[in-house]
PDB file of N, CA and C in Angstrom:
ATOM      1  N   MET A   1       8.814 -57.633 100.102  1.00  0.00           N
ATOM      2  CA  MET A   1       7.892 -56.564  99.801  1.00  0.00           C
ATOM      3  C   MET A   1       8.099 -56.075  98.370  1.00  0.00           C
ATOM      4  N   PHE A   2       9.331 -56.030  97.912  1.00  0.00           N
ATOM      5  CA  PHE A   2       9.570 -55.599  96.540  1.00  0.00           C
ATOM      6  C   PHE A   2       9.118 -56.645  95.538  1.00  0.00           C
ATOM      7  N   ASP A   3       9.175 -57.915  95.914  1.00  0.00           N
ATOM      8  CA  ASP A   3       8.714 -58.960  95.009  1.00  0.00           C
ATOM      9  C   ASP A   3       7.222 -58.838  94.748  1.00  0.00           C
ATOM     10  N   THR A   4       6.449 -58.526  95.741  1.00  0.00           N
ATOM     11  CA  THR A   4       5.005 -58.384  95.589  1.00  0.00           C
ATOM     12  C   THR A   4       4.674 -57.181  94.714  1.00  0.00           C
ATOM     13  N   ALA A   5       5.355 -56.097  94.887  1.00  0.00           N
ATOM     14  CA  ALA A   5       5.101 -54.903  94.084  1.00  0.00           C
ATOM     15  C   ALA A   5       5.464 -55.154  92.627  1.00  0.00           C
ATOM     16  N   HIS A   6       6.566 -55.876  92.427  1.00  0.00           N
ATOM     17  CA  HIS A   6       6.974 -56.189  91.062  1.00  0.00           C
ATOM     18  C   HIS A   6       5.968 -57.122  90.389  1.00  0.00           C
ATOM     19  N   ALA A   7       5.387 -58.024  91.106  1.00  0.00           N
ATOM     20  CA  ALA A   7       4.411 -58.948  90.546  1.00  0.00           C
ATOM     21  C   ALA A   7       3.126 -58.233  90.176  1.00  0.00           C
ATOM     22  N   MET A   8       2.804 -57.139  90.802  1.00  0.00           N
ATOM     23  CA  MET A   8       1.570 -56.411  90.514  1.00  0.00           C
ATOM     24  C   MET A   8       1.674 -55.542  89.260  1.00  0.00           C
ATOM     25  N   THR A   9       2.868 -55.281  88.793  1.00  0.00           N
ATOM     26  CA  THR A   9       2.995 -54.433  87.612  1.00  0.00           C
ATOM     27  C   THR A   9       2.534 -55.137  86.344  1.00  0.00           C
ATOM     28  N   GLY A  10       2.475 -56.415  86.304  1.00  0.00           N
ATOM     29  CA  GLY A  10       1.902 -57.134  85.195  1.00  0.00           C
ATOM     30  C   GLY A  10       2.891 -57.583  84.158  1.00  0.00           C
ATOM     31  N   GLY A  11       4.116 -57.441  84.288  1.00  0.00           N
ATOM     32  CA  GLY A  11       5.072 -57.923  83.290  1.00  0.00           C
ATOM     33  C   GLY A  11       5.393 -56.845  82.287  1.00  0.00           C
ATOM     34  N   GLY A  12       6.005 -57.237  81.195  1.00  0.00           N
ATOM     35  CA  GLY A  12       6.494 -56.257  80.232  1.00  0.00           C
ATOM     36  C   GLY A  12       5.585 -56.018  79.057  1.00  0.00           C
ATOM     37  N   GLY A  13       4.343 -56.463  79.058  1.00  0.00           N
ATOM     38  CA  GLY A  13       3.443 -56.291  77.917  1.00  0.00           C
ATOM     39  C   GLY A  13       3.007 -54.853  77.743  1.00  0.00           C
ATOM     40  N   GLY A  14       2.531 -54.515  76.539  1.00  0.00           N
ATOM     41  CA  GLY A  14       2.049 -53.168  76.267  1.00  0.00           C
ATOM     42  C   GLY A  14       0.663 -52.965  76.854  1.00  0.00           C
ATOM     43  N   GLY A  15       0.337 -51.755  77.159  1.00  0.00           N
ATOM     44  CA  GLY A  15      -0.978 -51.458  77.714  1.00  0.00           C
ATOM     45  C   GLY A  15      -2.017 -51.398  76.617  1.00  0.00           C
ATOM     46  N   GLY A  16      -3.236 -51.423  76.982  1.00  0.00           N
ATOM     47  CA  GLY A  16      -4.301 -51.288  75.997  1.00  0.00           C
ATOM     48  C   GLY A  16      -4.890 -52.606  75.597  1.00  0.00           C
ATOM     49  N   GLY A  17      -4.194 -53.355  74.822  1.00  0.00           N
ATOM     50  CA  GLY A  17      -4.661 -54.666  74.387  1.00  0.00           C
ATOM     51  C   GLY A  17      -5.821 -54.562  73.426  1.00  0.00           C
ATOM     52  N   PRO A  18      -6.647 -55.588  73.401  1.00  0.00           N
ATOM     53  CA  PRO A  18      -7.745 -55.617  72.436  1.00  0.00           C
ATOM     54  C   PRO A  18      -8.830 -54.587  72.707  1.00  0.00           C
ATOM     55  N   ASP A  19      -8.972 -54.137  73.945  1.00  0.00           N
ATOM     56  CA  ASP A  19     -10.009 -53.153  74.238  1.00  0.00           C
ATOM     57  C   ASP A  19      -9.735 -51.821  73.554  1.00  0.00           C
ATOM     58  N   ALA A  20      -8.480 -51.418  73.464  1.00  0.00           N
ATOM     59  CA  ALA A  20      -8.140 -50.169  72.796  1.00  0.00           C
ATOM     60  C   ALA A  20      -8.425 -50.271  71.297  1.00  0.00           C
ATOM     61  N   PHE A  21      -8.179 -51.419  70.708  1.00  0.00           N
ATOM     62  CA  PHE A  21      -8.430 -51.617  69.280  1.00  0.00           C
ATOM     63  C   PHE A  21      -9.930 -51.568  68.988  1.00  0.00           C
ATOM     64  N   THR A  22     -10.724 -52.322  69.715  1.00  0.00           N
ATOM     65  CA  THR A  22     -12.166 -52.323  69.472  1.00  0.00           C
ATOM     66  C   THR A  22     -12.792 -51.001  69.871  1.00  0.00           C
ATOM     67  N   GLY A  23     -12.220 -50.314  70.839  1.00  0.00           N
ATOM     68  CA  GLY A  23     -12.729 -49.009  71.221  1.00  0.00           C
ATOM     69  C   GLY A  23     -12.543 -47.970  70.130  1.00  0.00           C
ATOM     70  N   PHE A  24     -11.631 -48.193  69.217  1.00  0.00           N
ATOM     71  CA  PHE A  24     -11.403 -47.278  68.104  1.00  0.00           C
ATOM     72  C   PHE A  24     -12.107 -47.739  66.829  1.00  0.00           C
ATOM     73  N   VAL A  25     -12.085 -49.022  66.564  1.00  0.00           N
ATOM     74  CA  VAL A  25     -12.591 -49.540  65.296  1.00  0.00           C
ATOM     75  C   VAL A  25     -14.120 -49.564  65.244  1.00  0.00           C
ATOM     76  N   ILE A  26     -14.761 -49.965  66.306  1.00  0.00           N
ATOM     77  CA  ILE A  26     -16.229 -50.070  66.290  1.00  0.00           C
ATOM     78  C   ILE A  26     -16.888 -48.712  66.042  1.00  0.00           C
ATOM     79  N   PRO A  27     -16.493 -47.628  66.723  1.00  0.00           N
ATOM     80  CA  PRO A  27     -17.094 -46.332  66.381  1.00  0.00           C
ATOM     81  C   PRO A  27     -16.800 -45.901  64.941  1.00  0.00           C
ATOM     82  N   LEU A  28     -15.617 -46.227  64.443  1.00  0.00           N
ATOM     83  CA  LEU A  28     -15.274 -45.891  63.064  1.00  0.00           C
ATOM     84  C   LEU A  28     -16.201 -46.620  62.083  1.00  0.00           C
ATOM     85  N   ILE A  29     -16.469 -47.875  62.331  1.00  0.00           N
ATOM     86  CA  ILE A  29     -17.379 -48.645  61.469  1.00  0.00           C
ATOM     87  C   ILE A  29     -18.794 -48.076  61.547  1.00  0.00           C
ATOM     88  N   ILE A  30     -19.221 -47.677  62.724  1.00  0.00           N
ATOM     89  CA  ILE A  30     -20.561 -47.103  62.888  1.00  0.00           C
ATOM     90  C   ILE A  30     -20.670 -45.790  62.115  1.00  0.00           C
ATOM     91  N   VAL A  31     -19.660 -44.939  62.183  1.00  0.00           N
ATOM     92  CA  VAL A  31     -19.678 -43.671  61.447  1.00  0.00           C
ATOM     93  C   VAL A  31     -19.696 -43.928  59.944  1.00  0.00           C
ATOM     94  N   MET A  32     -18.923 -44.893  59.471  1.00  0.00           N
ATOM     95  CA  MET A  32     -18.919 -45.206  58.040  1.00  0.00           C
ATOM     96  C   MET A  32     -20.282 -45.731  57.589  1.00  0.00           C
ATOM     97  N   ALA A  33     -20.931 -46.531  58.415  1.00  0.00           N
ATOM     98  CA  ALA A  33     -22.269 -47.036  58.074  1.00  0.00           C
ATOM     99  C   ALA A  33     -23.271 -45.891  58.004  1.00  0.00           C
ATOM    100  N   ILE A  34     -23.175 -44.949  58.926  1.00  0.00           N
ATOM    101  CA  ILE A  34     -24.077 -43.794  58.906  1.00  0.00           C
ATOM    102  C   ILE A  34     -23.850 -42.988  57.635  1.00  0.00           C
ATOM    103  N   PHE A  35     -22.597 -42.727  57.259  1.00  0.00           N
ATOM    104  CA  PHE A  35     -22.308 -42.008  56.019  1.00  0.00           C
ATOM    105  C   PHE A  35     -22.865 -42.748  54.811  1.00  0.00           C
ATOM    106  N   TYR A  36     -22.755 -44.054  54.791  1.00  0.00           N
ATOM    107  CA  TYR A  36     -23.256 -44.828  53.659  1.00  0.00           C
ATOM    108  C   TYR A  36     -24.768 -44.661  53.522  1.00  0.00           C
ATOM    109  N   PHE A  37     -25.504 -44.839  54.626  1.00  0.00           N
ATOM    110  CA  PHE A  37     -26.961 -44.808  54.531  1.00  0.00           C
ATOM    111  C   PHE A  37     -27.525 -43.403  54.389  1.00  0.00           C
ATOM    112  N   ILE A  38     -26.813 -42.378  54.849  1.00  0.00           N
ATOM    113  CA  ILE A  38     -27.338 -41.022  54.766  1.00  0.00           C
ATOM    114  C   ILE A  38     -26.857 -40.294  53.510  1.00  0.00           C
ATOM    115  N   LEU A  39     -25.629 -40.530  53.082  1.00  0.00           N
ATOM    116  CA  LEU A  39     -25.080 -39.776  51.952  1.00  0.00           C
ATOM    117  C   LEU A  39     -24.888 -40.589  50.685  1.00  0.00           C
ATOM    118  N   ILE A  40     -24.200 -41.692  50.766  1.00  0.00           N
ATOM    119  CA  ILE A  40     -23.776 -42.414  49.566  1.00  0.00           C
ATOM    120  C   ILE A  40     -24.933 -43.152  48.903  1.00  0.00           C
ATOM    121  N   ARG A  41     -25.702 -43.893  49.657  1.00  0.00           N
ATOM    122  CA  ARG A  41     -26.784 -44.700  49.082  1.00  0.00           C
ATOM    123  C   ARG A  41     -27.846 -43.855  48.376  1.00  0.00           C
ATOM    124  N   PRO A  42     -28.346 -42.758  48.985  1.00  0.00           N
ATOM    125  CA  PRO A  42     -29.326 -41.938  48.257  1.00  0.00           C
ATOM    126  C   PRO A  42     -28.752 -41.313  46.983  1.00  0.00           C
ATOM    127  N   GLN A  43     -27.479 -40.927  47.006  1.00  0.00           N
ATOM    128  CA  GLN A  43     -26.868 -40.356  45.810  1.00  0.00           C
ATOM    129  C   GLN A  43     -26.774 -41.390  44.692  1.00  0.00           C
ATOM    130  N   LEU A  44     -26.408 -42.608  45.020  1.00  0.00           N
ATOM    131  CA  LEU A  44     -26.349 -43.671  44.009  1.00  0.00           C
ATOM    132  C   LEU A  44     -27.730 -43.959  43.435  1.00  0.00           C
ATOM    133  N   LYS A  45     -28.749 -43.916  44.279  1.00  0.00           N
ATOM    134  CA  LYS A  45     -30.118 -44.160  43.827  1.00  0.00           C
ATOM    135  C   LYS A  45     -30.559 -43.051  42.861  1.00  0.00           C
ATOM    136  N   ARG A  46     -30.272 -41.788  43.212  1.00  0.00           N
ATOM    137  CA  ARG A  46     -30.611 -40.669  42.341  1.00  0.00           C
ATOM    138  C   ARG A  46     -29.879 -40.756  41.012  1.00  0.00           C
ATOM    139  N   GLN A  47     -28.615 -41.127  41.053  1.00  0.00           N
ATOM    140  CA  GLN A  47     -27.816 -41.255  39.832  1.00  0.00           C
ATOM    141  C   GLN A  47     -28.371 -42.365  38.937  1.00  0.00           C
ATOM    142  N   LYS A  48     -28.791 -43.460  39.525  1.00  0.00           N
ATOM    143  CA  LYS A  48     -29.360 -44.567  38.759  1.00  0.00           C
ATOM    144  C   LYS A  48     -30.673 -44.148  38.097  1.00  0.00           C
ATOM    145  N   GLN A  49     -31.519 -43.398  38.822  1.00  0.00           N
ATOM    146  CA  GLN A  49     -32.775 -42.915  38.259  1.00  0.00           C
ATOM    147  C   GLN A  49     -32.520 -41.954  37.103  1.00  0.00           C
ATOM    148  N   HIS A  50     -31.541 -41.063  37.250  1.00  0.00           N
ATOM    149  CA  HIS A  50     -31.228 -40.100  36.197  1.00  0.00           C
ATOM    150  C   HIS A  50     -30.709 -40.811  34.951  1.00  0.00           C
ATOM    151  N   THR A  51     -29.872 -41.818  35.149  1.00  0.00           N
ATOM    152  CA  THR A  51     -29.339 -42.582  34.015  1.00  0.00           C
ATOM    153  C   THR A  51     -30.453 -43.311  33.276  1.00  0.00           C
ATOM    154  N   SER A  52     -31.388 -43.905  34.007  1.00  0.00           N
ATOM    155  CA  SER A  52     -32.501 -44.604  33.347  1.00  0.00           C
ATOM    156  C   SER A  52     -33.423 -43.617  32.646  1.00  0.00           C
ATOM    157  N   MET A  53     -33.596 -42.416  33.203  1.00  0.00           N
ATOM    158  CA  MET A  53     -34.414 -41.401  32.561  1.00  0.00           C
ATOM    159  C   MET A  53     -33.758 -40.957  31.253  1.00  0.00           C
ATOM    160  N   LEU A  54     -32.434 -40.792  31.262  1.00  0.00           N
ATOM    161  CA  LEU A  54     -31.739 -40.382  30.048  1.00  0.00           C
ATOM    162  C   LEU A  54     -31.799 -41.457  28.966  1.00  0.00           C
ATOM    163  N   SER A  55     -31.754 -42.717  29.367  1.00  0.00           N
ATOM    164  CA  SER A  55     -31.786 -43.786  28.372  1.00  0.00           C
ATOM    165  C   SER A  55     -33.181 -43.963  27.761  1.00  0.00           C
ATOM    166  N   SER A  56     -34.217 -43.446  28.426  1.00  0.00           N
ATOM    167  CA  SER A  56     -35.572 -43.610  27.905  1.00  0.00           C
ATOM    168  C   SER A  56     -36.076 -42.366  27.166  1.00  0.00           C
ATOM    169  N   LEU A  57     -35.196 -41.402  26.876  1.00  0.00           N
ATOM    170  CA  LEU A  57     -35.620 -40.208  26.143  1.00  0.00           C
ATOM    171  C   LEU A  57     -36.021 -40.574  24.725  1.00  0.00           C
ATOM    172  N   GLN A  58     -37.074 -39.897  24.238  1.00  0.00           N
ATOM    173  CA  GLN A  58     -37.568 -40.136  22.887  1.00  0.00           C
ATOM    174  C   GLN A  58     -37.909 -38.804  22.237  1.00  0.00           C
ATOM    175  N   LYS A  59     -38.035 -38.811  20.925  1.00  0.00           N
ATOM    176  CA  LYS A  59     -38.484 -37.614  20.213  1.00  0.00           C
ATOM    177  C   LYS A  59     -39.893 -37.277  20.672  1.00  0.00           C
ATOM    178  N   GLY A  60     -40.138 -35.998  20.855  1.00  0.00           N
ATOM    179  CA  GLY A  60     -41.454 -35.536  21.279  1.00  0.00           C
ATOM    180  C   GLY A  60     -41.566 -35.329  22.783  1.00  0.00           C
ATOM    181  N   ASP A  61     -40.600 -35.787  23.564  1.00  0.00           N
ATOM    182  CA  ASP A  61     -40.631 -35.580  25.015  1.00  0.00           C
ATOM    183  C   ASP A  61     -40.405 -34.107  25.332  1.00  0.00           C
ATOM    184  N   LYS A  62     -41.179 -33.592  26.281  1.00  0.00           N
ATOM    185  CA  LYS A  62     -40.965 -32.232  26.768  1.00  0.00           C
ATOM    186  C   LYS A  62     -40.029 -32.321  27.957  1.00  0.00           C
ATOM    187  N   VAL A  63     -38.916 -31.561  27.880  1.00  0.00           N
ATOM    188  CA  VAL A  63     -37.881 -31.662  28.907  1.00  0.00           C
ATOM    189  C   VAL A  63     -37.472 -30.276  29.392  1.00  0.00           C
ATOM    190  N   VAL A  64     -36.781 -30.275  30.528  1.00  0.00           N
ATOM    191  CA  VAL A  64     -36.157 -29.070  31.072  1.00  0.00           C
ATOM    192  C   VAL A  64     -34.703 -29.425  31.339  1.00  0.00           C
ATOM    193  N   THR A  65     -33.795 -28.582  30.861  1.00  0.00           N
ATOM    194  CA  THR A  65     -32.377 -28.834  31.109  1.00  0.00           C
ATOM    195  C   THR A  65     -32.008 -28.371  32.508  1.00  0.00           C
ATOM    196  N   SER A  66     -30.830 -28.738  32.944  1.00  0.00           N
ATOM    197  CA  SER A  66     -30.378 -28.309  34.260  1.00  0.00           C
ATOM    198  C   SER A  66     -30.136 -26.802  34.300  1.00  0.00           C
ATOM    199  N   GLY A  67     -30.013 -26.168  33.147  1.00  0.00           N
ATOM    200  CA  GLY A  67     -29.875 -24.718  33.073  1.00  0.00           C
ATOM    201  C   GLY A  67     -31.201 -23.993  33.007  1.00  0.00           C
ATOM    202  N   GLY A  68     -32.308 -24.731  32.957  1.00  0.00           N
ATOM    203  CA  GLY A  68     -33.634 -24.129  32.977  1.00  0.00           C
ATOM    204  C   GLY A  68     -34.254 -23.907  31.612  1.00  0.00           C
ATOM    205  N   ILE A  69     -33.685 -24.450  30.558  1.00  0.00           N
ATOM    206  CA  ILE A  69     -34.240 -24.287  29.215  1.00  0.00           C
ATOM    207  C   ILE A  69     -35.313 -25.346  28.982  1.00  0.00           C
ATOM    208  N   HIS A  70     -36.504 -24.886  28.600  1.00  0.00           N
ATOM    209  CA  HIS A  70     -37.624 -25.784  28.304  1.00  0.00           C
ATOM    210  C   HIS A  70     -37.665 -26.033  26.802  1.00  0.00           C
ATOM    211  N   GLY A  71     -37.928 -27.262  26.412  1.00  0.00           N
ATOM    212  CA  GLY A  71     -38.000 -27.566  24.996  1.00  0.00           C
ATOM    213  C   GLY A  71     -38.570 -28.941  24.741  1.00  0.00           C
ATOM    214  N   VAL A  72     -38.745 -29.226  23.465  1.00  0.00           N
ATOM    215  CA  VAL A  72     -39.253 -30.518  23.008  1.00  0.00           C
ATOM    216  C   VAL A  72     -38.137 -31.189  22.223  1.00  0.00           C
ATOM    217  N   ILE A  73     -37.914 -32.457  22.495  1.00  0.00           N
ATOM    218  CA  ILE A  73     -36.855 -33.188  21.797  1.00  0.00           C
ATOM    219  C   ILE A  73     -37.285 -33.442  20.355  1.00  0.00           C
ATOM    220  N   VAL A  74     -36.437 -33.001  19.403  1.00  0.00           N
ATOM    221  CA  VAL A  74     -36.709 -33.253  17.985  1.00  0.00           C
ATOM    222  C   VAL A  74     -35.628 -34.122  17.366  1.00  0.00           C
ATOM    223  N   GLY A  75     -34.554 -34.360  18.092  1.00  0.00           N
ATOM    224  CA  GLY A  75     -33.498 -35.210  17.572  1.00  0.00           C
ATOM    225  C   GLY A  75     -32.642 -35.762  18.700  1.00  0.00           C
ATOM    226  N   LEU A  76     -32.217 -36.999  18.518  1.00  0.00           N
ATOM    227  CA  LEU A  76     -31.353 -37.653  19.504  1.00  0.00           C
ATOM    228  C   LEU A  76     -30.120 -38.197  18.806  1.00  0.00           C
ATOM    229  N   LYS A  77     -28.977 -37.957  19.403  1.00  0.00           N
ATOM    230  CA  LYS A  77     -27.730 -38.545  18.951  1.00  0.00           C
ATOM    231  C   LYS A  77     -27.147 -39.303  20.140  1.00  0.00           C
ATOM    232  N   GLU A  78     -25.914 -39.761  20.012  1.00  0.00           N
ATOM    233  CA  GLU A  78     -25.290 -40.539  21.088  1.00  0.00           C
ATOM    234  C   GLU A  78     -25.264 -39.771  22.404  1.00  0.00           C
ATOM    235  N   ASP A  79     -24.656 -38.591  22.414  1.00  0.00           N
ATOM    236  CA  ASP A  79     -24.536 -37.798  23.635  1.00  0.00           C
ATOM    237  C   ASP A  79     -25.159 -36.420  23.513  1.00  0.00           C
ATOM    238  N   VAL A  80     -25.882 -36.162  22.431  1.00  0.00           N
ATOM    239  CA  VAL A  80     -26.440 -34.842  22.176  1.00  0.00           C
ATOM    240  C   VAL A  80     -27.940 -34.967  21.930  1.00  0.00           C
ATOM    241  N   VAL A  81     -28.679 -33.997  22.460  1.00  0.00           N
ATOM    242  CA  VAL A  81     -30.122 -33.927  22.248  1.00  0.00           C
ATOM    243  C   VAL A  81     -30.421 -32.613  21.539  1.00  0.00           C
ATOM    244  N   VAL A  82     -31.230 -32.658  20.491  1.00  0.00           N
ATOM    245  CA  VAL A  82     -31.646 -31.454  19.783  1.00  0.00           C
ATOM    246  C   VAL A  82     -33.013 -31.063  20.323  1.00  0.00           C
ATOM    247  N   LEU A  83     -33.083 -29.840  20.879  1.00  0.00           N
ATOM    248  CA  LEU A  83     -34.330 -29.347  21.458  1.00  0.00           C
ATOM    249  C   LEU A  83     -34.916 -28.247  20.599  1.00  0.00           C
ATOM    250  N   LYS A  84     -36.217 -28.265  20.447  1.00  0.00           N
ATOM    251  CA  LYS A  84     -36.928 -27.177  19.796  1.00  0.00           C
ATOM    252  C   LYS A  84     -37.460 -26.301  20.922  1.00  0.00           C
ATOM    253  N   VAL A  85     -36.943 -25.059  21.003  1.00  0.00           N
ATOM    254  CA  VAL A  85     -37.327 -24.179  22.105  1.00  0.00           C
ATOM    255  C   VAL A  85     -38.354 -23.134  21.682  1.00  0.00           C
ATOM    256  N   SER A  86     -38.472 -22.871  20.385  1.00  0.00           N
ATOM    257  CA  SER A  86     -39.536 -22.020  19.844  1.00  0.00           C
ATOM    258  C   SER A  86     -39.784 -22.459  18.405  1.00  0.00           C
ATOM    259  N   GLU A  87     -40.626 -21.742  17.689  1.00  0.00           N
ATOM    260  CA  GLU A  87     -41.028 -22.168  16.350  1.00  0.00           C
ATOM    261  C   GLU A  87     -39.842 -22.450  15.433  1.00  0.00           C
ATOM    262  N   ASN A  88     -38.902 -21.549  15.333  1.00  0.00           N
ATOM    263  CA  ASN A  88     -37.793 -21.711  14.397  1.00  0.00           C
ATOM    264  C   ASN A  88     -36.443 -21.857  15.098  1.00  0.00           C
ATOM    265  N   THR A  89     -36.437 -22.192  16.365  1.00  0.00           N
ATOM    266  CA  THR A  89     -35.182 -22.252  17.109  1.00  0.00           C
ATOM    267  C   THR A  89     -34.956 -23.659  17.643  1.00  0.00           C
ATOM    268  N   LYS A  90     -33.849 -24.232  17.222  1.00  0.00           N
ATOM    269  CA  LYS A  90     -33.430 -25.535  17.720  1.00  0.00           C
ATOM    270  C   LYS A  90     -32.037 -25.386  18.300  1.00  0.00           C
ATOM    271  N   ILE A  91     -31.798 -26.053  19.423  1.00  0.00           N
ATOM    272  CA  ILE A  91     -30.477 -26.015  20.030  1.00  0.00           C
ATOM    273  C   ILE A  91     -30.041 -27.435  20.349  1.00  0.00           C
ATOM    274  N   GLU A  92     -28.744 -27.609  20.394  1.00  0.00           N
ATOM    275  CA  GLU A  92     -28.182 -28.899  20.791  1.00  0.00           C
ATOM    276  C   GLU A  92     -27.646 -28.764  22.212  1.00  0.00           C
ATOM    277  N   VAL A  93     -28.004 -29.708  23.057  1.00  0.00           N
ATOM    278  CA  VAL A  93     -27.501 -29.720  24.431  1.00  0.00           C
ATOM    279  C   VAL A  93     -26.942 -31.103  24.729  1.00  0.00           C
ATOM    280  N   ASN A  94     -26.060 -31.142  25.681  1.00  0.00           N
ATOM    281  CA  ASN A  94     -25.502 -32.408  26.125  1.00  0.00           C
ATOM    282  C   ASN A  94     -26.615 -33.245  26.761  1.00  0.00           C
ATOM    283  N   LYS A  95     -26.644 -34.511  26.457  1.00  0.00           N
ATOM    284  CA  LYS A  95     -27.696 -35.392  26.966  1.00  0.00           C
ATOM    285  C   LYS A  95     -27.718 -35.421  28.495  1.00  0.00           C
ATOM    286  N   GLY A  96     -26.550 -35.328  29.116  1.00  0.00           N
ATOM    287  CA  GLY A  96     -26.473 -35.360  30.568  1.00  0.00           C
ATOM    288  C   GLY A  96     -27.033 -34.119  31.233  1.00  0.00           C
ATOM    289  N   SER A  97     -27.238 -33.042  30.457  1.00  0.00           N
ATOM    290  CA  SER A  97     -27.769 -31.818  31.051  1.00  0.00           C
ATOM    291  C   SER A  97     -29.288 -31.796  31.123  1.00  0.00           C
ATOM    292  N   ILE A  98     -29.939 -32.837  30.624  1.00  0.00           N
ATOM    293  CA  ILE A  98     -31.392 -32.926  30.759  1.00  0.00           C
ATOM    294  C   ILE A  98     -31.694 -33.236  32.223  1.00  0.00           C
ATOM    295  N   GLY A  99     -32.452 -32.351  32.865  1.00  0.00           N
ATOM    296  CA  GLY A  99     -32.727 -32.513  34.279  1.00  0.00           C
ATOM    297  C   GLY A  99     -34.050 -33.200  34.566  1.00  0.00           C
ATOM    298  N   VAL A 100     -35.096 -32.810  33.821  1.00  0.00           N
ATOM    299  CA  VAL A 100     -36.437 -33.310  34.105  1.00  0.00           C
ATOM    300  C   VAL A 100     -37.165 -33.581  32.798  1.00  0.00           C
ATOM    301  N   VAL A 101     -37.914 -34.666  32.758  1.00  0.00           N
ATOM    302  CA  VAL A 101     -38.829 -34.926  31.649  1.00  0.00           C
ATOM    303  C   VAL A 101     -40.204 -34.527  32.143  1.00  0.00           C
ATOM    304  N   LYS A 102     -40.754 -33.438  31.542  1.00  0.00           N
ATOM    305  CA  LYS A 102     -42.061 -32.949  31.976  1.00  0.00           C
ATOM    306  C   LYS A 102     -43.183 -33.849  31.486  1.00  0.00           C
ATOM    307  N   SER A 103     -43.089 -34.290  30.241  1.00  0.00           N
ATOM    308  CA  SER A 103     -44.099 -35.215  29.734  1.00  0.00           C
ATOM    309  C   SER A 103     -43.468 -36.040  28.617  1.00  0.00           C
ATOM    310  N   LYS A 104     -43.880 -37.297  28.546  1.00  0.00           N
ATOM    311  CA  LYS A 104     -43.391 -38.197  27.502  1.00  0.00           C
ATOM    312  C   LYS A 104     -44.149 -37.920  26.221  1.00  0.00           C
ATOM    313  N   SER A 105     -43.618 -38.405  25.118  1.00  0.00           N
ATOM    314  CA  SER A 105     -44.221 -38.132  23.806  1.00  0.00           C
ATOM    315  C   SER A 105     -45.604 -38.756  23.666  1.00  0.00           C
ATOM    316  N   GLY A 106     -45.888 -39.848  24.325  1.00  0.00           N
ATOM    317  CA  GLY A 106     -47.179 -40.505  24.231  1.00  0.00           C
ATOM    318  C   GLY A 106     -48.246 -39.874  25.091  1.00  0.00           C
ATOM    319  N   GLU A 107     -47.856 -39.069  26.078  1.00  0.00           N
ATOM    320  CA  GLU A 107     -48.827 -38.427  26.972  1.00  0.00           C
ATOM    321  C   GLU A 107     -49.303 -37.126  26.348  1.00  0.00           C
ATOM    322  N   GLY A 108     -50.435 -36.652  26.768  1.00  0.00           N
ATOM    323  CA  GLY A 108     -50.986 -35.453  26.156  1.00  0.00           C
ATOM    324  C   GLY A 108     -50.999 -34.265  27.080  1.00  0.00           C
ATOM    325  N   ALA A 109     -49.919 -33.901  27.727  1.00  0.00           N
ATOM    326  CA  ALA A 109     -49.936 -32.699  28.564  1.00  0.00           C
ATOM    327  C   ALA A 109     -48.704 -31.925  28.334  1.00  0.00           C
TER     328      ALA A 109
END
């Protein structure tokens, strides 16, 4: 009777096996995929669009900075943009702070 009970215990192996591993890893992979498609991918797309917008800036473009300053580009340097905000007022802002291009220099609005 003791031999039969001992045979039913299954030997000295650890419990769990491959089911415990896949039961943990598969949900983790699913959560990471959800984070990628909901958070990371749209942010990378927005960053790529902003970078291409900054590289296409030209003199005469009407822009708005991320701080809300409206102006017309009158000068471009490597990392600095010179904006004309009124008749006799020009300011220099960091190129990365340009948030929106309202109209390109070739357009008439």
